[in-house]
C-alpha atoms as a PDB file:
ATOM      1  CA  MET A   1    -120.781  56.716 187.738  1.00  0.00           C
ATOM      2  CA  LYS A   2    -123.589  59.445 186.675  1.00  0.00           C
ATOM      3  CA  ILE A   3    -123.292  59.793 182.279  1.00  0.00           C
ATOM      4  CA  ASN A   4    -125.321  63.241 181.428  1.00  0.00           C
ATOM      5  CA  LEU A   5    -126.529  62.856 177.626  1.00  0.00           C
ATOM      6  CA  ALA A   6    -125.632  65.855 174.925  1.00  0.00           C
ATOM      7  CA  PRO A   7    -127.852  65.007 172.476  1.00  0.00           C
ATOM      8  CA  ILE A   8    -126.808  65.409 168.803  1.00  0.00           C
ATOM      9  CA  ARG A   9    -127.718  63.928 165.469  1.00  0.00           C
ATOM     10  CA  MET A  10    -124.304  62.318 164.416  1.00  0.00           C
ATOM     11  CA  ASP A  11    -124.640  59.112 161.436  1.00  0.00           C
ATOM     12  CA  GLU A  12    -122.342  57.279 163.757  1.00  0.00           C
ATOM     13  CA  GLN A  13    -123.752  55.172 166.446  1.00  0.00           C
ATOM     14  CA  LEU A  14    -121.911  55.290 170.095  1.00  0.00           C
ATOM     15  CA  GLU A  15    -121.367  51.480 172.027  1.00  0.00           C
ATOM     16  CA  VAL A  16    -120.906  52.660 176.104  1.00  0.00           C
ATOM     17  CA  LYS A  17    -119.447  50.207 178.066  1.00  0.00           C
ATOM     18  CA  VAL A  18    -118.461  51.015 182.249  1.00  0.00           C
ATOM     19  CA  ASN A  19    -115.920  48.614 184.219  1.00  0.00           C
ATOM     20  CA  GLY A  20    -115.750  50.877 187.714  1.00  0.00           C
ATOM     21  CA  ASP A  21    -114.290  54.297 187.000  1.00  0.00           C
ATOM     22  CA  SER A  22    -113.310  52.936 183.884  1.00  0.00           C
ATOM     23  CA  ILE A  23    -115.650  53.796 180.996  1.00  0.00           C
ATOM     24  CA  TRP A  24    -115.036  53.032 177.511  1.00  0.00           C
ATOM     25  CA  LEU A  25    -116.390  54.699 174.063  1.00  0.00           C
ATOM     26  CA  ASN A  26    -116.703  52.351 171.007  1.00  0.00           C
ATOM     27  CA  GLY A  27    -114.366  50.309 171.842  1.00  0.00           C
ATOM     28  CA  GLU A  28    -111.707  52.947 173.386  1.00  0.00           C
ATOM     29  CA  GLU A  29    -110.986  53.446 177.306  1.00  0.00           C
ATOM     30  CA  PHE A  30    -111.171  56.323 179.369  1.00  0.00           C
ATOM     31  CA  ASP A  31    -110.027  55.454 182.734  1.00  0.00           C
ATOM     32  CA  PHE A  32    -110.071  58.295 184.922  1.00  0.00           C
ATOM     33  CA  SER A  33    -109.496  55.478 188.907  1.00  0.00           C
ATOM     34  CA  PRO A  34    -106.652  57.679 189.283  1.00  0.00           C
ATOM     35  CA  LEU A  35    -108.874  61.593 189.754  1.00  0.00           C
ATOM     36  CA  PRO A  36    -108.830  62.330 193.582  1.00  0.00           C
ATOM     37  CA  ASP A  37    -111.997  62.626 195.331  1.00  0.00           C
ATOM     38  CA  GLY A  38    -113.638  66.457 194.618  1.00  0.00           C
ATOM     39  CA  ALA A  39    -111.386  67.033 191.489  1.00  0.00           C
ATOM     40  CA  ILE A  40    -112.266  68.063 188.632  1.00  0.00           C
ATOM     41  CA  LEU A  41    -110.807  67.136 185.227  1.00  0.00           C
ATOM     42  CA  PRO A  42    -111.057  69.765 182.276  1.00  0.00           C
ATOM     43  CA  HIS A  43    -112.924  68.926 178.679  1.00  0.00           C
ATOM     44  CA  GLY A  44    -109.103  70.158 177.668  1.00  0.00           C
ATOM     45  CA  ALA A  45    -107.112  67.109 179.014  1.00  0.00           C
ATOM     46  CA  ILE A  46    -109.645  64.641 177.222  1.00  0.00           C
ATOM     47  CA  ASP A  47    -108.637  63.911 173.825  1.00  0.00           C
ATOM     48  CA  SER A  48    -112.349  62.479 172.821  1.00  0.00           C
ATOM     49  CA  LYS A  49    -114.701  63.461 170.561  1.00  0.00           C
ATOM     50  CA  TRP A  50    -117.805  62.478 172.275  1.00  0.00           C
ATOM     51  CA  PHE A  51    -116.908  64.505 175.979  1.00  0.00           C
ATOM     52  CA  VAL A  52    -118.305  67.337 176.920  1.00  0.00           C
ATOM     53  CA  GLY A  53    -117.574  69.289 179.323  1.00  0.00           C
ATOM     54  CA  LYS A  54    -115.805  68.103 182.766  1.00  0.00           C
ATOM     55  CA  VAL A  55    -115.206  65.084 185.071  1.00  0.00           C
ATOM     56  CA  TYR A  56    -115.696  65.260 188.252  1.00  0.00           C
ATOM     57  CA  ARG A  57    -115.570  62.950 190.996  1.00  0.00           C
ATOM     58  CA  ILE A  58    -118.061  63.649 194.406  1.00  0.00           C
ATOM     59  CA  ASN A  59    -118.488  61.838 196.487  1.00  0.00           C
ATOM     60  CA  GLY A  60    -116.854  59.200 195.678  1.00  0.00           C
ATOM     61  CA  GLN A  61    -119.361  59.044 191.972  1.00  0.00           C
ATOM     62  CA  ILE A  62    -117.155  59.805 188.436  1.00  0.00           C
ATOM     63  CA  GLU A  63    -119.764  62.431 186.979  1.00  0.00           C
ATOM     64  CA  LEU A  64    -118.914  62.983 183.106  1.00  0.00           C
ATOM     65  CA  THR A  65    -120.992  64.033 180.126  1.00  0.00           C
ATOM     66  CA  ILE A  66    -120.518  62.025 176.939  1.00  0.00           C
ATOM     67  CA  LEU A  67    -122.663  62.771 173.132  1.00  0.00           C
ATOM     68  CA  LEU A  68    -125.421  61.255 172.232  1.00  0.00           C
ATOM     69  CA  PRO A  69    -126.004  60.402 168.705  1.00  0.00           C
ATOM     70  CA  HIS A  70    -129.199  60.254 167.455  1.00  0.00           C
ATOM     71  CA  GLY A  71    -131.139  59.046 163.558  1.00  0.00           C
ATOM     72  CA  SER A  72    -133.452  61.809 161.935  1.00  0.00           C
ATOM     73  CA  ASN A  73    -135.846  59.958 163.819  1.00  0.00           C
ATOM     74  CA  ALA A  74    -135.130  59.581 167.071  1.00  0.00           C
ATOM     75  CA  PRO A  75    -137.735  58.715 169.911  1.00  0.00           C
ATOM     76  CA  HIS A  76    -138.490  62.373 172.532  1.00  0.00           C
ATOM     77  CA  GLU A  77    -136.416  60.158 175.297  1.00  0.00           C
ATOM     78  CA  THR A  78    -133.453  60.896 173.454  1.00  0.00           C
ATOM     79  CA  ARG A  79    -133.524  64.031 171.743  1.00  0.00           C
ATOM     80  CA  PHE A  80    -134.090  64.517 176.040  1.00  0.00           C
ATOM     81  CA  PRO A  81    -132.530  62.125 178.022  1.00  0.00           C
ATOM     82  CA  ASN A  82    -131.984  61.547 181.491  1.00  0.00           C
ATOM     83  CA  PRO A  83    -128.796  60.496 182.871  1.00  0.00           C
ATOM     84  CA  ILE A  84    -127.802  57.402 184.261  1.00  0.00           C
ATOM     85  CA  THR A  85    -126.347  55.636 187.402  1.00  0.00           C
ATOM     86  CA  VAL A  86    -124.295  53.258 186.797  1.00  0.00           C
ATOM     87  CA  THR A  87    -124.635  50.709 189.644  1.00  0.00           C
ATOM     88  CA  THR A  88    -123.096  48.414 187.730  1.00  0.00           C
ATOM     89  CA  ASP A  89    -120.129  47.079 185.099  1.00  0.00           C
ATOM     90  CA  GLY A  90    -120.579  46.318 181.795  1.00  0.00           C
ATOM     91  CA  VAL A  91    -122.727  47.478 178.869  1.00  0.00           C
ATOM     92  CA  VAL A  92    -124.655  50.557 179.242  1.00  0.00           C
ATOM     93  CA  ASP A  93    -128.490  50.849 178.048  1.00  0.00           C
ATOM     94  CA  LEU A  94    -128.795  53.998 176.040  1.00  0.00           C
ATOM     95  CA  PRO A  95    -131.551  55.669 174.755  1.00  0.00           C
ATOM     96  CA  PRO A  96    -132.604  54.292 171.086  1.00  0.00           C
ATOM     97  CA  TYR A  97    -130.694  55.724 168.030  1.00  0.00           C
ATOM     98  CA  ASN A  98    -134.360  56.056 165.948  1.00  0.00           C
ATOM     99  CA  ILE A  99    -137.734  54.581 166.051  1.00  0.00           C
ATOM    100  CA  PRO A 100    -137.866  51.535 164.564  1.00  0.00           C
ATOM    101  CA  GLN A 101    -139.155  52.134 160.557  1.00  0.00           C
ATOM    102  CA  GLU A 102    -141.950  50.532 161.717  1.00  0.00           C
ATOM    103  CA  GLU A 103    -143.658  52.520 163.869  1.00  0.00           C
ATOM    104  CA  VAL A 104    -141.976  55.611 162.254  1.00  0.00           C
ATOM    105  CA  SER A 105    -144.491  54.212 159.129  1.00  0.00           C
ATOM    106  CA  GLU A 106    -147.448  53.838 161.840  1.00  0.00           C
ATOM    107  CA  VAL A 107    -146.944  56.358 162.995  1.00  0.00           C
ATOM    108  CA  LEU A 108    -147.552  58.001 159.467  1.00  0.00           C
ATOM    109  CA  ASP A 109    -150.632  56.221 158.641  1.00  0.00           C
ATOM    110  CA  GLU A 110    -152.958  57.952 161.010  1.00  0.00           C
ATOM    111  CA  ASP A 111    -151.973  60.815 159.970  1.00  0.00           C
END
């Protein structure tokens, strides 16, 4: 599964898990196993605030875009994330929500 990320400033955080062609977003399952190869699922067909755009199955692999919430002190890797290619089932390691407060303090102390 290829997960594209669309960063957004939001107080709610996100947990993502994948198992085969299913993805769980904060505990809610979305099963894309019925989507045939070459098919496109339109954005409006998915009842969730987390999805952005369409879901595709290309060469047998699901590709989708989800929102990536972040805090006010999010690092560069969160504000400008790379796509994630998931090769094993389980929790997906997302970029950090925020820079830890002690790191923010260190940066401010340097100025």
